Structures are given as structure tokens and as C-alpha cells.
Amino acid sequence: MSLRPLVVKLGGAALSCTETLEKLFSAVSEYKDSAHRELVIVHGGGYLVDDLMKALNLNVEKKQGLRVTPKDQINVVAGALAGTANKLLQGEAIKSGINAVGLSLADGGLCKVEQLDPVLGNVGKASPGDSAVLQAILATGAVPIISSIGIDGEGELMNVNADQAAVAVAAALDAELVLLSDVSGVLNGKGKLMPTLDEKLAKELIESGVITDGMIVKVNAAFDAAKALGRPIEVATWRYPDKLAELFSGGNIGTRFTV
């Protein structure tokens, strides 16, 4: 029986670690060849956006872990994410012998995107769309690398949280999902990695201030994904590429979210 496609969300901070990226894509290439499994990478690139905004003397503001994106700044954000970040990752993939295709959430109508909250500006929420074009690309053996930039029904560019974007892509493909970031997973109040987490405990950790800021967004996205896909979701780190094959094969190396 063939395996479901695997969507891997890669935290944008990984782009600052060239050596790690090389090992990561090497691990992806080896796993893809050995498991004969379709793989999709969805990425962010927050640090690239921050660096570019700083260079242009533009204000960086976040609310509840989400980047406020005024309409007059969306072109800058889109350039950093769908342009620079996407092509840097594609370049690393090609160097590892992977036939990579750079995409955005809008390509082929993969995800439907609408404005999340007017207060946040051009920040969108993605929902599953038509995966036919993506499936056609996967059928060629290529690895799609998808930025978290979407386009709404009015043609407006939208900045989508990369974790939430990965959930929508995985739902569109009925795929399994792994969220890779610069953190090992969710830590308890004593700084210890929690191998599993359910919603009840997560709510308690948020209310007590153990889970804060961007991790709240990541935790909520993981539970949304687990519900949408009807299966557990793993949040783990990209910092140890030697463990990724185990993770891709279903092993638990981070925090597994259950519903």
C-alpha cells in the first residue's frame, strides 16, 4: 500500500543555517528515494522579512504571534517569502539532487485565501482548494516548495502564517503533516520536552503562561491540522537532520498533538 503524501513545514529560521539546510535536504532526498513517497515542503521566512523591513526602515509589528502586514508593505513581504526565501530553499534542494518546483499557495488554486482580520492588514487565512496541479507536479517525481504567500478572490496578495498554510496544503492533499521549526517541540513548565499534548493540557499551559506568543499560533495550528486531517501532528526541530528520516517514517522526536 502506498504511503500518503507527506507535507513538511519548514520554519524560515532554517534559512539562516546553511549547513543545516544542506543536511536537511540531503535527508529529504535520501528518505524520498528509499520510501518512494511524495513530499511537499511549505515554508515561512520571518527572519528574512524582518531583515528586509529593517533595511527599508519599515516598522515590524506582531499581534498574538502574527505579523501585521499593511497593504503598502505586502509587496515587500511577498518578495522576501515567495521570492528570496523560496528560491534559496529551491537552490539548496537542487544542490542535493532534488528536482524542486517553487510555488505559492495561489498556484493552481491550491488554497483559497481570505483576509483574516482587517486589523492585521494583508494577512490571510488559507483553506484547502484544488490540488490537481500540485498532484500533477508530484506525479513527475518533483518536490514542490511552497511559500506561504496567497492571493484572495480580489487578486490581493496575502501573507499567511506558514504553519496554518501547511495545514491547508496538507488538507488539500489529504496528506500527513510534520511542522519543523527551530524549537524541539512544546516544553513544560520545567523546560522538559513533552512527547504528547492534548487540547485540555495545552489550554492549561497557555492560561498559565508556559506556552506564549508564536508558540500559541503553532500549537493552535497543530490542533487544527490534527482535527482537519483526522490524525496526530508532530512538531519537531529541523536542527537535527540525522533524526528526520525517523520522523518522516512516523517516529516521535518532538511533540505529538492528539485530539
Protein backbone atom coordinates (compact mmCIF):
# COMPACT_ATOMS: atom_id res chain seq x y z
CA MET A 1 0.00 0.00 0.00
CA SER A 2 1.41 3.38 -0.97
CA LEU A 3 2.02 5.97 1.71
CA ARG A 4 0.06 9.19 1.92
CA PRO A 5 1.96 12.27 0.71
CA LEU A 6 3.95 13.99 3.46
CA VAL A 7 3.82 17.77 3.89
CA VAL A 8 6.81 19.18 5.78
CA LYS A 9 6.50 22.72 7.09
CA LEU A 10 9.96 24.25 7.37
CA GLY A 11 10.45 27.21 9.70
CA GLY A 12 12.01 30.18 7.94
CA ALA A 13 14.77 30.49 10.54
CA ALA A 14 16.34 27.39 8.97
CA LEU A 15 17.39 29.64 6.08
CA SER A 16 19.99 31.24 8.33
CA CYS A 17 21.72 27.86 8.85
CA THR A 18 23.23 26.85 5.50
CA GLU A 19 24.99 23.79 6.88
CA THR A 20 21.77 22.54 8.48
CA LEU A 21 19.83 23.16 5.26
CA GLU A 22 22.32 21.08 3.29
CA LYS A 23 21.92 18.18 5.73
CA LEU A 24 18.14 18.63 5.84
CA PHE A 25 17.69 18.42 2.07
CA SER A 26 20.14 15.53 1.93
CA ALA A 27 17.92 13.73 4.46
CA VAL A 28 14.81 14.62 2.43
CA SER A 29 16.43 13.28 -0.74
CA GLU A 30 17.53 10.01 0.88
CA TYR A 31 14.12 9.46 2.51
CA LYS A 32 12.23 10.22 -0.71
CA ASP A 33 14.38 7.73 -2.64
CA SER A 34 14.11 4.99 -0.03
CA ALA A 35 10.42 5.40 0.89
CA HIS A 36 9.21 6.27 -2.64
CA ARG A 37 6.92 8.82 -1.04
CA GLU A 38 5.58 12.10 -2.37
CA LEU A 39 6.94 15.05 -0.38
CA VAL A 40 5.86 18.70 -0.25
CA ILE A 41 7.66 21.47 1.62
CA VAL A 42 5.80 24.56 2.87
CA HIS A 43 7.94 27.35 4.29
CA GLY A 44 7.96 30.69 6.05
CA GLY A 45 10.86 33.12 6.22
CA GLY A 46 10.17 35.56 9.02
CA TYR A 47 13.77 36.47 9.69
CA LEU A 48 14.29 37.42 6.01
CA VAL A 49 11.23 39.65 6.19
CA ASP A 50 12.49 41.26 9.41
CA ASP A 51 15.94 41.92 7.89
CA LEU A 52 14.43 43.48 4.77
CA MET A 53 11.96 45.60 6.76
CA LYS A 54 14.81 46.84 8.95
CA ALA A 55 16.92 47.73 5.90
CA LEU A 56 13.99 49.71 4.48
CA ASN A 57 13.28 51.39 7.86
CA LEU A 58 9.81 49.85 7.99
CA ASN A 59 8.10 49.11 11.30
CA VAL A 60 7.74 45.47 12.36
CA GLU A 61 4.65 44.77 14.45
CA LYS A 62 3.17 41.48 15.61
CA LYS A 63 -0.09 40.70 17.37
CA GLN A 64 -0.58 37.32 19.06
CA GLY A 65 2.34 35.92 17.10
CA LEU A 66 1.04 37.11 13.70
CA ARG A 67 2.83 39.73 11.61
CA VAL A 68 0.81 42.89 10.98
CA THR A 69 1.08 43.44 7.21
CA PRO A 70 -0.21 46.83 5.98
CA LYS A 71 -1.23 46.92 2.33
CA ASP A 72 1.71 49.18 1.49
CA GLN A 73 4.12 46.54 2.88
CA ILE A 74 2.71 43.33 1.36
CA ASN A 75 4.91 43.64 -1.74
CA VAL A 76 7.99 43.69 0.48
CA VAL A 77 6.80 40.68 2.48
CA ALA A 78 5.82 38.75 -0.65
CA GLY A 79 9.19 39.50 -2.24
CA ALA A 80 11.03 38.10 0.77
CA LEU A 81 8.86 34.98 1.14
CA ALA A 82 7.71 34.00 -2.36
CA GLY A 83 10.92 35.35 -3.89
CA THR A 84 14.12 35.19 -1.86
CA ALA A 85 13.17 32.53 0.71
CA ASN A 86 11.51 30.26 -1.86
CA LYS A 87 14.42 30.39 -4.30
CA LEU A 88 17.06 29.93 -1.59
CA LEU A 89 15.31 26.75 -0.49
CA GLN A 90 14.85 25.62 -4.08
CA GLY A 91 18.56 26.17 -4.65
CA GLU A 92 19.51 24.04 -1.65
CA ALA A 93 17.13 21.31 -2.81
CA ILE A 94 18.60 21.28 -6.32
CA LYS A 95 22.12 21.11 -4.85
CA SER A 96 21.02 17.95 -3.04
CA GLY A 97 19.86 16.37 -6.29
CA ILE A 98 16.15 17.07 -5.74
CA ASN A 99 14.01 18.16 -8.68
CA ALA A 100 12.33 21.09 -6.88
CA VAL A 101 9.48 23.31 -8.09
CA GLY A 102 8.92 26.68 -6.37
CA LEU A 103 5.28 27.61 -5.82
CA SER A 104 2.94 29.78 -3.73
CA LEU A 105 -0.43 28.97 -2.16
CA ALA A 106 -2.19 30.56 -5.13
CA ASP A 107 -0.72 28.32 -7.84
CA GLY A 108 -3.33 26.13 -9.48
CA GLY A 109 -5.90 27.29 -6.94
CA LEU A 110 -4.23 25.07 -4.33
CA CYS A 111 -5.54 27.13 -1.41
CA LYS A 112 -8.37 29.61 -1.05
CA VAL A 113 -7.27 32.65 0.92
CA GLU A 114 -9.30 35.36 2.61
CA GLN A 115 -8.37 38.22 4.90
CA LEU A 116 -8.03 37.04 8.48
CA ASP A 117 -8.67 40.32 10.29
CA PRO A 118 -8.69 43.89 8.90
CA VAL A 119 -6.64 44.98 11.94
CA LEU A 120 -3.78 42.80 10.67
CA GLY A 121 -3.88 44.20 7.13
CA ASN A 122 -2.99 41.86 4.28
CA VAL A 123 -2.81 38.77 6.48
CA GLY A 124 -4.77 35.84 5.15
CA LYS A 125 -6.28 32.59 6.33
CA ALA A 126 -5.91 29.66 3.95
CA SER A 127 -8.36 26.82 3.37
CA PRO A 128 -7.97 23.78 1.11
CA GLY A 129 -8.57 24.40 -2.59
CA ASP A 130 -7.90 22.36 -5.74
CA SER A 131 -4.82 20.12 -5.50
CA ALA A 132 -4.95 18.88 -9.14
CA VAL A 133 -1.97 20.95 -10.33
CA LEU A 134 0.07 20.05 -7.25
CA GLN A 135 -0.72 16.37 -7.73
CA ALA A 136 0.35 16.61 -11.37
CA ILE A 137 3.70 18.05 -10.25
CA LEU A 138 4.10 15.31 -7.63
CA ALA A 139 3.40 12.69 -10.30
CA THR A 140 6.57 13.80 -12.10
CA GLY A 141 8.64 12.94 -9.02
CA ALA A 142 9.38 16.60 -8.23
CA VAL A 143 9.29 18.13 -4.75
CA PRO A 144 7.11 21.27 -4.59
CA ILE A 145 8.45 24.01 -2.30
CA ILE A 146 5.55 26.29 -1.42
CA SER A 147 5.77 29.77 0.11
CA SER A 148 3.08 30.99 2.50
CA ILE A 149 2.02 33.85 0.21
CA GLY A 150 -1.53 33.56 -1.10
CA ILE A 151 -3.90 35.61 -3.26
CA ASP A 152 -7.51 36.29 -2.32
CA GLY A 153 -10.54 36.37 -4.62
CA GLU A 154 -9.95 40.06 -5.37
CA GLY A 155 -6.38 39.42 -6.51
CA GLU A 156 -4.84 40.87 -3.32
CA LEU A 157 -1.57 39.38 -2.09
CA MET A 158 -1.95 37.90 1.40
CA ASN A 159 0.66 36.91 3.97
CA VAL A 160 -0.44 33.61 5.56
CA ASN A 161 1.09 32.17 8.72
CA ALA A 162 3.28 29.33 7.44
CA ASP A 163 2.03 26.78 9.99
CA GLN A 164 -1.58 27.48 9.03
CA ALA A 165 -0.65 27.43 5.34
CA ALA A 166 0.90 23.98 5.76
CA VAL A 167 -2.33 22.75 7.37
CA ALA A 168 -4.36 23.92 4.35
CA VAL A 169 -1.93 22.33 1.89
CA ALA A 170 -1.97 19.02 3.82
CA ALA A 171 -5.78 19.07 3.93
CA ALA A 172 -5.97 19.74 0.19
CA LEU A 173 -3.78 16.67 -0.44
CA ASP A 174 -5.19 14.54 2.40
CA ALA A 175 -1.54 14.24 3.45
CA GLU A 176 0.28 13.66 6.69
CA LEU A 177 1.93 16.73 8.21
CA VAL A 178 5.08 17.49 10.16
CA LEU A 179 5.77 21.01 11.46
CA LEU A 180 9.54 21.62 11.64
CA SER A 181 10.78 24.69 13.48
CA ASP A 182 13.75 25.95 15.47
CA VAL A 183 12.26 24.50 18.67
CA SER A 184 12.25 20.84 19.63
CA GLY A 185 8.54 20.88 20.43
CA VAL A 186 6.45 22.07 23.36
CA LEU A 187 8.25 22.37 26.68
CA ASN A 188 6.54 22.04 30.05
CA GLY A 189 6.99 24.50 32.90
CA LYS A 190 10.30 22.83 33.83
CA GLY A 191 11.76 23.12 30.35
CA LYS A 192 11.31 19.44 29.51
CA LEU A 193 10.11 18.30 26.07
CA MET A 194 6.56 16.97 26.08
CA PRO A 195 6.29 13.92 23.78
CA THR A 196 2.49 14.26 23.51
CA LEU A 197 -0.02 17.05 24.08
CA ASP A 198 -3.83 17.19 24.04
CA GLU A 199 -6.06 20.27 23.88
CA LYS A 200 -7.03 20.26 27.55
CA LEU A 201 -3.43 20.36 28.73
CA ALA A 202 -2.45 22.85 26.03
CA LYS A 203 -5.18 25.25 27.19
CA GLU A 204 -3.90 25.00 30.76
CA LEU A 205 -0.32 25.71 29.63
CA ILE A 206 -1.44 28.75 27.62
CA GLU A 207 -3.50 30.13 30.50
CA SER A 208 -0.60 29.67 32.91
CA GLY A 209 1.84 31.43 30.57
CA VAL A 210 4.00 28.38 29.83
CA ILE A 211 3.04 28.48 26.14
CA THR A 212 3.30 32.06 24.79
CA ASP A 213 3.47 34.27 21.67
CA GLY A 214 4.34 32.49 18.41
CA MET A 215 4.19 29.07 20.05
CA ILE A 216 0.47 29.65 20.72
CA VAL A 217 -0.05 30.08 16.96
CA LYS A 218 1.96 26.91 16.29
CA VAL A 219 0.06 24.91 18.92
CA ASN A 220 -3.33 26.07 17.58
CA ALA A 221 -2.25 25.27 14.01
CA ALA A 222 -1.15 21.78 15.08
CA PHE A 223 -4.51 21.05 16.73
CA ASP A 224 -6.37 22.50 13.71
CA ALA A 225 -4.35 20.17 11.50
CA ALA A 226 -4.96 17.13 13.70
CA LYS A 227 -8.71 17.81 13.56
CA ALA A 228 -8.80 18.58 9.84
CA LEU A 229 -6.72 15.57 8.87
CA GLY A 230 -8.07 13.17 11.48
CA ARG A 231 -4.60 12.10 12.61
CA PRO A 232 -1.88 13.20 15.07
CA ILE A 233 0.50 16.01 14.04
CA GLU A 234 4.14 16.20 15.05
CA VAL A 235 6.02 19.42 15.89
CA ALA A 236 9.77 18.89 15.92
CA THR A 237 13.03 20.68 15.16
CA TRP A 238 15.00 20.85 11.91
CA ARG A 239 18.23 21.29 13.88
CA TYR A 240 19.00 17.54 13.94
CA PRO A 241 18.75 16.36 10.31
CA ASP A 242 20.05 12.91 11.25
CA LYS A 243 16.74 12.29 13.06
CA LEU A 244 14.49 13.38 10.20
CA ALA A 245 14.24 10.01 8.46
CA GLU A 246 12.92 8.56 11.73
CA LEU A 247 10.42 11.42 11.98
CA PHE A 248 9.27 11.11 8.36
CA SER A 249 8.73 7.38 8.93
CA GLY A 250 6.36 8.04 11.81
CA GLY A 251 8.77 8.19 14.75
CA ASN A 252 8.22 10.65 17.60
CA ILE A 253 11.17 13.03 18.07
CA GLY A 254 9.25 16.16 19.10
CA THR A 255 5.74 16.80 20.47
CA ARG A 256 2.84 14.83 19.02
CA PHE A 257 -0.54 16.63 19.06
CA THR A 258 -3.55 14.40 19.60
CA VAL A 259 -7.29 15.15 19.52
